[in-house]
Amino acid sequence: MNCIHFTVPGQPIPKARARRGRSGRWYTPARTRVYEERVGWEAWLAGARPVTGDVEVRIVVRGKTRRRKFDLDNIAKAILDGLTGVAYYDDAQVVALEVRWESGEPSAEVAICRPEIRGGEG
């Protein structure tokens, strides 16, 4: 399986809900947008480029303590959105997703893999 591995250092940031501005337009909060851009840059530096077809993503979220409440799915969403346009064209291409939490220095370790193409079956 062809994979790209990279680490986003620092505290992982969960995807915040879209906000409505005074003008009535919806926007992504700056903290979330900055984290998504950082994820994209780290992926790009690791060699990720947009692909067509299916991808699998594995994420290990690390932190020093579990006291702070956060949802792993919201962190995964921020990472997946940050990879859109960098590792794949649409996060609908993600056919498998594994997300887990481990104790350690705050970071997010990400692996993006292309599933093996199986031929000759049938």
N, C-alpha and C. Protein backbone atom coordinates (compact mmCIF):
# COMPACT_ATOMS: atom_id res chain seq x y z
N MET A 1 0.86 -1.19 0.00
CA MET A 1 0.00 0.00 0.00
C MET A 1 0.89 1.24 0.00
N ASN A 2 0.63 2.15 -0.89
CA ASN A 2 1.38 3.37 -1.02
C ASN A 2 0.86 4.41 -0.03
N CYS A 3 1.71 4.83 0.93
CA CYS A 3 1.26 5.74 1.99
C CYS A 3 2.19 6.95 2.11
N ILE A 4 1.62 8.05 2.58
CA ILE A 4 2.37 9.24 2.95
C ILE A 4 2.12 9.46 4.43
N HIS A 5 3.19 9.66 5.20
CA HIS A 5 3.09 9.87 6.64
C HIS A 5 3.62 11.26 6.97
N PHE A 6 2.95 11.93 7.89
CA PHE A 6 3.44 13.22 8.37
C PHE A 6 2.85 13.51 9.74
N THR A 7 3.46 14.46 10.43
CA THR A 7 3.01 14.86 11.76
C THR A 7 2.71 16.35 11.76
N VAL A 8 1.60 16.71 12.37
CA VAL A 8 1.25 18.12 12.57
C VAL A 8 1.56 18.41 14.03
N PRO A 9 2.65 19.13 14.31
CA PRO A 9 3.02 19.38 15.70
C PRO A 9 2.05 20.35 16.37
N GLY A 10 1.99 20.27 17.69
CA GLY A 10 1.14 21.16 18.47
C GLY A 10 -0.22 20.56 18.76
N GLN A 11 -0.98 21.25 19.56
CA GLN A 11 -2.29 20.78 19.99
C GLN A 11 -3.24 20.67 18.79
N PRO A 12 -3.79 19.48 18.54
CA PRO A 12 -4.78 19.36 17.46
C PRO A 12 -6.03 20.20 17.77
N ILE A 13 -6.56 20.82 16.74
CA ILE A 13 -7.70 21.72 16.89
C ILE A 13 -8.95 21.08 16.29
N PRO A 14 -10.00 20.92 17.08
CA PRO A 14 -11.23 20.34 16.51
C PRO A 14 -11.92 21.31 15.55
N LYS A 15 -12.65 20.77 14.61
CA LYS A 15 -13.41 21.58 13.66
C LYS A 15 -14.51 22.32 14.42
N ALA A 16 -14.50 23.63 14.33
CA ALA A 16 -15.54 24.44 14.97
C ALA A 16 -16.71 24.60 14.02
N ARG A 17 -17.87 24.79 14.57
CA ARG A 17 -19.06 25.01 13.74
C ARG A 17 -18.93 26.30 12.95
N ALA A 18 -19.50 26.31 11.77
CA ALA A 18 -19.50 27.53 10.96
C ALA A 18 -20.26 28.61 11.71
N ARG A 19 -19.82 29.83 11.54
CA ARG A 19 -20.46 30.97 12.20
C ARG A 19 -21.07 31.88 11.15
N ARG A 20 -22.11 32.60 11.56
CA ARG A 20 -22.74 33.57 10.66
C ARG A 20 -22.26 34.97 11.07
N GLY A 21 -21.70 35.65 10.09
CA GLY A 21 -21.20 37.00 10.33
C GLY A 21 -22.33 38.03 10.30
N ARG A 22 -22.00 39.25 10.60
CA ARG A 22 -22.98 40.34 10.60
C ARG A 22 -23.61 40.54 9.24
N SER A 23 -22.85 40.21 8.20
CA SER A 23 -23.37 40.37 6.84
C SER A 23 -24.33 39.25 6.46
N GLY A 24 -24.42 38.24 7.33
CA GLY A 24 -25.29 37.10 7.04
C GLY A 24 -24.57 35.96 6.35
N ARG A 25 -23.30 36.19 5.98
CA ARG A 25 -22.52 35.13 5.33
C ARG A 25 -21.94 34.19 6.37
N TRP A 26 -21.83 32.92 6.00
CA TRP A 26 -21.26 31.91 6.88
C TRP A 26 -19.75 31.85 6.67
N TYR A 27 -19.01 31.59 7.75
CA TYR A 27 -17.56 31.49 7.66
C TYR A 27 -17.04 30.46 8.66
N THR A 28 -15.85 29.94 8.38
CA THR A 28 -15.16 29.03 9.29
C THR A 28 -14.35 29.88 10.26
N PRO A 29 -14.45 29.65 11.56
CA PRO A 29 -13.68 30.43 12.53
C PRO A 29 -12.17 30.37 12.23
N ALA A 30 -11.47 31.46 12.49
CA ALA A 30 -10.06 31.60 12.14
C ALA A 30 -9.20 30.49 12.73
N ARG A 31 -9.43 30.13 13.96
CA ARG A 31 -8.62 29.10 14.62
C ARG A 31 -8.69 27.77 13.85
N THR A 32 -9.88 27.41 13.42
CA THR A 32 -10.06 26.19 12.64
C THR A 32 -9.40 26.33 11.27
N ARG A 33 -9.61 27.45 10.62
CA ARG A 33 -9.06 27.68 9.28
C ARG A 33 -7.53 27.61 9.30
N VAL A 34 -6.91 28.22 10.31
CA VAL A 34 -5.45 28.21 10.43
C VAL A 34 -4.93 26.78 10.63
N TYR A 35 -5.62 26.00 11.47
CA TYR A 35 -5.20 24.61 11.69
C TYR A 35 -5.34 23.79 10.42
N GLU A 36 -6.44 23.94 9.69
CA GLU A 36 -6.63 23.21 8.44
C GLU A 36 -5.53 23.56 7.43
N GLU A 37 -5.16 24.83 7.36
CA GLU A 37 -4.09 25.24 6.45
C GLU A 37 -2.75 24.62 6.87
N ARG A 38 -2.52 24.53 8.17
CA ARG A 38 -1.28 23.92 8.67
C ARG A 38 -1.23 22.44 8.30
N VAL A 39 -2.36 21.74 8.46
CA VAL A 39 -2.44 20.33 8.07
C VAL A 39 -2.09 20.19 6.59
N GLY A 40 -2.67 21.04 5.76
CA GLY A 40 -2.40 21.00 4.32
C GLY A 40 -0.94 21.22 4.00
N TRP A 41 -0.31 22.18 4.66
CA TRP A 41 1.10 22.46 4.41
C TRP A 41 1.98 21.29 4.84
N GLU A 42 1.69 20.70 5.99
CA GLU A 42 2.48 19.56 6.46
C GLU A 42 2.35 18.39 5.49
N ALA A 43 1.14 18.17 4.99
CA ALA A 43 0.92 17.10 4.01
C ALA A 43 1.68 17.39 2.72
N TRP A 44 1.61 18.63 2.26
CA TRP A 44 2.30 19.03 1.02
C TRP A 44 3.81 18.82 1.18
N LEU A 45 4.36 19.24 2.32
CA LEU A 45 5.80 19.09 2.55
C LEU A 45 6.21 17.62 2.61
N ALA A 46 5.28 16.75 3.02
CA ALA A 46 5.56 15.31 3.07
C ALA A 46 5.42 14.66 1.69
N GLY A 47 4.97 15.42 0.71
CA GLY A 47 4.87 14.89 -0.65
C GLY A 47 3.47 14.57 -1.12
N ALA A 48 2.46 14.93 -0.35
CA ALA A 48 1.08 14.66 -0.76
C ALA A 48 0.72 15.56 -1.95
N ARG A 49 0.02 14.95 -2.90
CA ARG A 49 -0.53 15.67 -4.04
C ARG A 49 -1.91 15.10 -4.30
N PRO A 50 -2.84 15.89 -4.81
CA PRO A 50 -4.21 15.39 -5.02
C PRO A 50 -4.25 14.17 -5.93
N VAL A 51 -4.99 13.17 -5.52
CA VAL A 51 -5.16 11.96 -6.31
C VAL A 51 -6.64 11.74 -6.57
N THR A 52 -6.92 10.97 -7.58
CA THR A 52 -8.30 10.55 -7.82
C THR A 52 -8.44 9.15 -7.24
N GLY A 53 -9.64 8.72 -7.00
CA GLY A 53 -9.84 7.38 -6.46
C GLY A 53 -9.88 7.37 -4.94
N ASP A 54 -9.96 6.16 -4.42
CA ASP A 54 -10.13 5.97 -2.98
C ASP A 54 -8.84 6.21 -2.20
N VAL A 55 -9.00 6.69 -0.97
CA VAL A 55 -7.89 6.82 -0.03
C VAL A 55 -8.34 6.34 1.33
N GLU A 56 -7.37 5.91 2.12
CA GLU A 56 -7.60 5.53 3.51
C GLU A 56 -6.77 6.47 4.37
N VAL A 57 -7.32 6.89 5.51
CA VAL A 57 -6.63 7.84 6.38
C VAL A 57 -6.58 7.27 7.80
N ARG A 58 -5.38 7.31 8.39
CA ARG A 58 -5.20 6.93 9.78
C ARG A 58 -4.66 8.14 10.53
N ILE A 59 -5.28 8.44 11.67
CA ILE A 59 -4.89 9.61 12.46
C ILE A 59 -4.67 9.17 13.90
N VAL A 60 -3.53 9.56 14.46
CA VAL A 60 -3.26 9.35 15.89
C VAL A 60 -3.15 10.74 16.50
N VAL A 61 -4.09 11.06 17.38
CA VAL A 61 -4.11 12.35 18.08
C VAL A 61 -3.38 12.14 19.40
N ARG A 62 -2.42 12.99 19.69
CA ARG A 62 -1.66 12.87 20.94
C ARG A 62 -1.86 14.12 21.78
N GLY A 63 -1.88 13.90 23.08
CA GLY A 63 -1.99 14.98 24.04
C GLY A 63 -1.44 14.55 25.37
N LYS A 64 -1.09 15.51 26.21
CA LYS A 64 -0.51 15.19 27.51
C LYS A 64 -1.54 14.73 28.51
N THR A 65 -2.76 15.20 28.34
CA THR A 65 -3.79 14.85 29.31
C THR A 65 -5.11 14.63 28.60
N ARG A 66 -5.97 13.89 29.21
CA ARG A 66 -7.29 13.64 28.65
C ARG A 66 -8.34 14.51 29.36
N ARG A 67 -7.88 15.39 30.26
CA ARG A 67 -8.82 16.21 31.02
C ARG A 67 -9.64 17.14 30.13
N ARG A 68 -9.00 17.71 29.13
CA ARG A 68 -9.74 18.60 28.24
C ARG A 68 -10.68 17.77 27.40
N LYS A 69 -11.92 18.16 27.37
CA LYS A 69 -12.90 17.41 26.59
C LYS A 69 -12.86 17.85 25.13
N PHE A 70 -12.77 16.90 24.27
CA PHE A 70 -12.87 17.16 22.84
C PHE A 70 -13.34 15.89 22.17
N ASP A 71 -13.93 16.04 21.01
CA ASP A 71 -14.41 14.90 20.25
C ASP A 71 -13.38 14.57 19.18
N LEU A 72 -12.94 13.32 19.15
CA LEU A 72 -12.00 12.90 18.13
C LEU A 72 -12.55 13.11 16.73
N ASP A 73 -13.86 12.94 16.58
CA ASP A 73 -14.43 13.10 15.24
C ASP A 73 -14.31 14.53 14.73
N ASN A 74 -14.37 15.51 15.63
CA ASN A 74 -14.21 16.90 15.21
C ASN A 74 -12.77 17.22 14.82
N ILE A 75 -11.81 16.59 15.50
CA ILE A 75 -10.41 16.75 15.12
C ILE A 75 -10.18 16.09 13.77
N ALA A 76 -10.74 14.89 13.59
CA ALA A 76 -10.60 14.20 12.31
C ALA A 76 -11.19 15.05 11.18
N LYS A 77 -12.33 15.68 11.41
CA LYS A 77 -12.97 16.50 10.38
C LYS A 77 -12.07 17.67 9.98
N ALA A 78 -11.44 18.31 10.95
CA ALA A 78 -10.53 19.42 10.64
C ALA A 78 -9.35 18.93 9.81
N ILE A 79 -8.81 17.76 10.15
CA ILE A 79 -7.69 17.20 9.41
C ILE A 79 -8.12 16.81 7.99
N LEU A 80 -9.26 16.13 7.87
CA LEU A 80 -9.74 15.74 6.54
C LEU A 80 -10.01 16.95 5.67
N ASP A 81 -10.60 18.00 6.24
CA ASP A 81 -10.84 19.22 5.46
C ASP A 81 -9.53 19.89 5.06
N GLY A 82 -8.53 19.82 5.93
CA GLY A 82 -7.23 20.38 5.61
C GLY A 82 -6.52 19.64 4.48
N LEU A 83 -6.85 18.36 4.31
CA LEU A 83 -6.24 17.55 3.25
C LEU A 83 -6.93 17.70 1.91
N THR A 84 -8.15 18.25 1.92
CA THR A 84 -8.90 18.43 0.68
C THR A 84 -8.16 19.41 -0.24
N GLY A 85 -7.94 18.98 -1.46
CA GLY A 85 -7.20 19.80 -2.42
C GLY A 85 -5.70 19.62 -2.32
N VAL A 86 -5.23 18.89 -1.32
CA VAL A 86 -3.80 18.65 -1.14
C VAL A 86 -3.49 17.17 -1.36
N ALA A 87 -4.23 16.30 -0.67
CA ALA A 87 -4.00 14.85 -0.78
C ALA A 87 -5.06 14.17 -1.65
N TYR A 88 -6.21 14.79 -1.76
CA TYR A 88 -7.32 14.29 -2.58
C TYR A 88 -8.18 15.48 -2.94
N TYR A 89 -9.09 15.28 -3.88
CA TYR A 89 -9.92 16.38 -4.34
C TYR A 89 -11.16 16.60 -3.49
N ASP A 90 -11.65 15.54 -2.85
CA ASP A 90 -12.88 15.62 -2.08
C ASP A 90 -12.80 14.60 -0.95
N ASP A 91 -13.18 14.99 0.27
CA ASP A 91 -13.08 14.02 1.37
C ASP A 91 -14.06 12.87 1.23
N ALA A 92 -14.92 12.91 0.23
CA ALA A 92 -15.77 11.76 -0.08
C ALA A 92 -14.94 10.60 -0.63
N GLN A 93 -13.69 10.87 -1.03
CA GLN A 93 -12.79 9.82 -1.51
C GLN A 93 -12.27 8.94 -0.37
N VAL A 94 -12.44 9.38 0.87
CA VAL A 94 -11.96 8.62 2.02
C VAL A 94 -12.91 7.44 2.24
N VAL A 95 -12.39 6.22 2.04
CA VAL A 95 -13.21 5.02 2.17
C VAL A 95 -12.96 4.29 3.49
N ALA A 96 -11.89 4.65 4.19
CA ALA A 96 -11.60 4.06 5.50
C ALA A 96 -10.94 5.14 6.35
N LEU A 97 -11.36 5.22 7.60
CA LEU A 97 -10.84 6.23 8.51
C LEU A 97 -10.64 5.60 9.88
N GLU A 98 -9.42 5.71 10.40
CA GLU A 98 -9.11 5.24 11.75
C GLU A 98 -8.59 6.43 12.54
N VAL A 99 -9.18 6.69 13.70
CA VAL A 99 -8.77 7.80 14.54
C VAL A 99 -8.65 7.28 15.96
N ARG A 100 -7.52 7.58 16.60
CA ARG A 100 -7.37 7.18 18.00
C ARG A 100 -6.57 8.21 18.76
N TRP A 101 -6.70 8.16 20.08
CA TRP A 101 -6.01 9.08 20.97
C TRP A 101 -4.94 8.31 21.72
N GLU A 102 -3.76 8.95 21.90
CA GLU A 102 -2.68 8.39 22.71
C GLU A 102 -2.10 9.50 23.55
N SER A 103 -1.54 9.11 24.69
CA SER A 103 -0.85 10.06 25.54
C SER A 103 0.49 10.40 24.90
N GLY A 104 0.89 11.64 24.98
CA GLY A 104 2.18 12.04 24.43
C GLY A 104 2.22 13.52 24.14
N GLU A 105 3.30 13.94 23.49
CA GLU A 105 3.46 15.34 23.12
C GLU A 105 2.34 15.71 22.16
N PRO A 106 1.64 16.84 22.40
CA PRO A 106 0.50 17.22 21.55
C PRO A 106 0.88 17.28 20.06
N SER A 107 0.15 16.51 19.27
CA SER A 107 0.39 16.46 17.83
C SER A 107 -0.69 15.60 17.18
N ALA A 108 -0.67 15.56 15.88
CA ALA A 108 -1.52 14.65 15.12
C ALA A 108 -0.63 13.97 14.09
N GLU A 109 -0.57 12.66 14.16
CA GLU A 109 0.20 11.87 13.21
C GLU A 109 -0.78 11.34 12.18
N VAL A 110 -0.49 11.56 10.91
CA VAL A 110 -1.43 11.22 9.84
C VAL A 110 -0.76 10.32 8.81
N ALA A 111 -1.50 9.32 8.36
CA ALA A 111 -1.07 8.47 7.24
C ALA A 111 -2.20 8.48 6.21
N ILE A 112 -1.85 8.79 4.98
CA ILE A 112 -2.80 8.77 3.87
C ILE A 112 -2.35 7.66 2.93
N CYS A 113 -3.21 6.69 2.69
CA CYS A 113 -2.82 5.52 1.89
C CYS A 113 -3.78 5.31 0.73
N ARG A 114 -3.23 4.81 -0.36
CA ARG A 114 -4.04 4.38 -1.50
C ARG A 114 -4.28 2.89 -1.32
N PRO A 115 -5.52 2.45 -1.28
CA PRO A 115 -5.79 1.01 -1.15
C PRO A 115 -5.20 0.25 -2.34
N GLU A 116 -4.75 -0.96 -2.07
CA GLU A 116 -4.19 -1.78 -3.13
C GLU A 116 -5.29 -2.11 -4.14
N ILE A 117 -4.93 -2.04 -5.39
CA ILE A 117 -5.88 -2.38 -6.46
C ILE A 117 -5.81 -3.88 -6.67
N ARG A 118 -6.94 -4.51 -6.54
CA ARG A 118 -7.01 -5.96 -6.71
C ARG A 118 -7.53 -6.26 -8.11
N GLY A 119 -6.76 -6.97 -8.88
CA GLY A 119 -7.17 -7.30 -10.22
C GLY A 119 -7.32 -8.80 -10.39
N GLY A 120 -7.98 -9.18 -11.42
CA GLY A 120 -8.10 -10.59 -11.76
C GLY A 120 -9.10 -11.36 -10.93
N GLU A 121 -9.90 -10.67 -10.13
CA GLU A 121 -10.91 -11.39 -9.35
C GLU A 121 -12.16 -11.56 -10.20
N GLY A 122 -12.85 -12.64 -9.92
CA GLY A 122 -14.14 -12.78 -10.57
C GLY A 122 -14.15 -13.85 -11.52
